Amino acid sequence: MTLDTEAVTVTEGSCVRVLPTVVRTMEAKTDMQYICVQAKEGSLVQFGMGDAELC
């Protein structure tokens, strides 16, 4: 994954937060599945990491 001009390694179990202003690209050399959760920036202030279930 590239965020603006920075290459970021994404592996199984990775979680990446990307600001709306960041240019992003994704490329997979193997089969890759991902989930994209999208919300308006700053709109979920009532939630925190305690609300998440990481698997």
C-alpha atoms as a PDB file:
ATOM      1  CA  MET A   1       0.000   0.000   0.000  1.00  0.00           C
ATOM      2  CA  THR A   2       1.257   3.478  -0.772  1.00  0.00           C
ATOM      3  CA  LEU A   3       0.125   6.457   1.285  1.00  0.00           C
ATOM      4  CA  ASP A   4       1.047   9.680  -0.504  1.00  0.00           C
ATOM      5  CA  THR A   5       4.624   8.697  -1.410  1.00  0.00           C
ATOM      6  CA  GLU A   6       5.328   6.340   1.518  1.00  0.00           C
ATOM      7  CA  ALA A   7       5.228   2.568   0.964  1.00  0.00           C
ATOM      8  CA  VAL A   8       3.513   0.774   3.870  1.00  0.00           C
ATOM      9  CA  THR A   9       3.743  -2.992   4.334  1.00  0.00           C
ATOM     10  CA  VAL A  10       0.330  -4.509   5.027  1.00  0.00           C
ATOM     11  CA  THR A  11       0.216  -8.089   6.303  1.00  0.00           C
ATOM     12  CA  GLU A  12      -2.457 -10.318   7.785  1.00  0.00           C
ATOM     13  CA  GLY A  13      -4.052  -8.599  10.753  1.00  0.00           C
ATOM     14  CA  SER A  14      -2.870  -5.125   9.768  1.00  0.00           C
ATOM     15  CA  CYS A  15      -5.026  -2.135  10.528  1.00  0.00           C
ATOM     16  CA  VAL A  16      -4.308   1.119   8.695  1.00  0.00           C
ATOM     17  CA  ARG A  17      -5.975   4.467   9.354  1.00  0.00           C
ATOM     18  CA  VAL A  18      -5.850   6.814   6.385  1.00  0.00           C
ATOM     19  CA  LEU A  19      -6.893  10.461   6.536  1.00  0.00           C
ATOM     20  CA  PRO A  20      -9.223  11.660   3.766  1.00  0.00           C
ATOM     21  CA  THR A  21      -6.540  13.996   2.385  1.00  0.00           C
ATOM     22  CA  VAL A  22      -4.019  11.171   1.814  1.00  0.00           C
ATOM     23  CA  VAL A  23      -3.600   9.716  -1.677  1.00  0.00           C
ATOM     24  CA  ARG A  24      -3.648   5.923  -1.451  1.00  0.00           C
ATOM     25  CA  THR A  25      -2.996   3.002  -3.785  1.00  0.00           C
ATOM     26  CA  MET A  26      -3.151  -0.738  -3.145  1.00  0.00           C
ATOM     27  CA  GLU A  27      -1.300  -3.520  -4.935  1.00  0.00           C
ATOM     28  CA  ALA A  28      -1.280  -7.216  -4.044  1.00  0.00           C
ATOM     29  CA  LYS A  29       1.212  -9.815  -5.205  1.00  0.00           C
ATOM     30  CA  THR A  30      -1.016 -12.570  -3.753  1.00  0.00           C
ATOM     31  CA  ASP A  31      -4.727 -12.957  -3.050  1.00  0.00           C
ATOM     32  CA  MET A  32      -5.757 -10.230  -0.665  1.00  0.00           C
ATOM     33  CA  GLN A  33      -9.023  -9.573   1.119  1.00  0.00           C
ATOM     34  CA  TYR A  34      -9.720  -6.394   3.021  1.00  0.00           C
ATOM     35  CA  ILE A  35     -12.473  -4.536   4.798  1.00  0.00           C
ATOM     36  CA  CYS A  36     -12.910  -0.816   4.323  1.00  0.00           C
ATOM     37  CA  VAL A  37     -14.764   1.125   6.997  1.00  0.00           C
ATOM     38  CA  GLN A  38     -15.469   4.681   6.000  1.00  0.00           C
ATOM     39  CA  ALA A  39     -16.950   7.574   7.953  1.00  0.00           C
ATOM     40  CA  LYS A  40     -16.846  11.338   7.739  1.00  0.00           C
ATOM     41  CA  GLU A  41     -13.714  12.601   9.496  1.00  0.00           C
ATOM     42  CA  GLY A  42     -14.442  13.456  13.131  1.00  0.00           C
ATOM     43  CA  SER A  43     -17.974  12.024  13.036  1.00  0.00           C
ATOM     44  CA  LEU A  44     -17.389   9.043  15.341  1.00  0.00           C
ATOM     45  CA  VAL A  45     -16.083  10.849  18.432  1.00  0.00           C
ATOM     46  CA  GLN A  46     -18.436   8.842  20.666  1.00  0.00           C
ATOM     47  CA  PHE A  47     -16.512   5.645  19.832  1.00  0.00           C
ATOM     48  CA  GLY A  48     -12.996   4.622  20.853  1.00  0.00           C
ATOM     49  CA  MET A  49     -10.666   1.640  20.592  1.00  0.00           C
ATOM     50  CA  GLY A  50     -12.564   0.043  23.514  1.00  0.00           C
ATOM     51  CA  ASP A  51     -15.473  -0.426  21.099  1.00  0.00           C
ATOM     52  CA  ALA A  52     -13.378  -2.417  18.627  1.00  0.00           C
ATOM     53  CA  GLU A  53     -12.885  -6.147  18.429  1.00  0.00           C
ATOM     54  CA  LEU A  54      -9.568  -6.981  16.805  1.00  0.00           C
ATOM     55  CA  CYS A  55      -9.241 -10.431  15.315  1.00  0.00           C
END
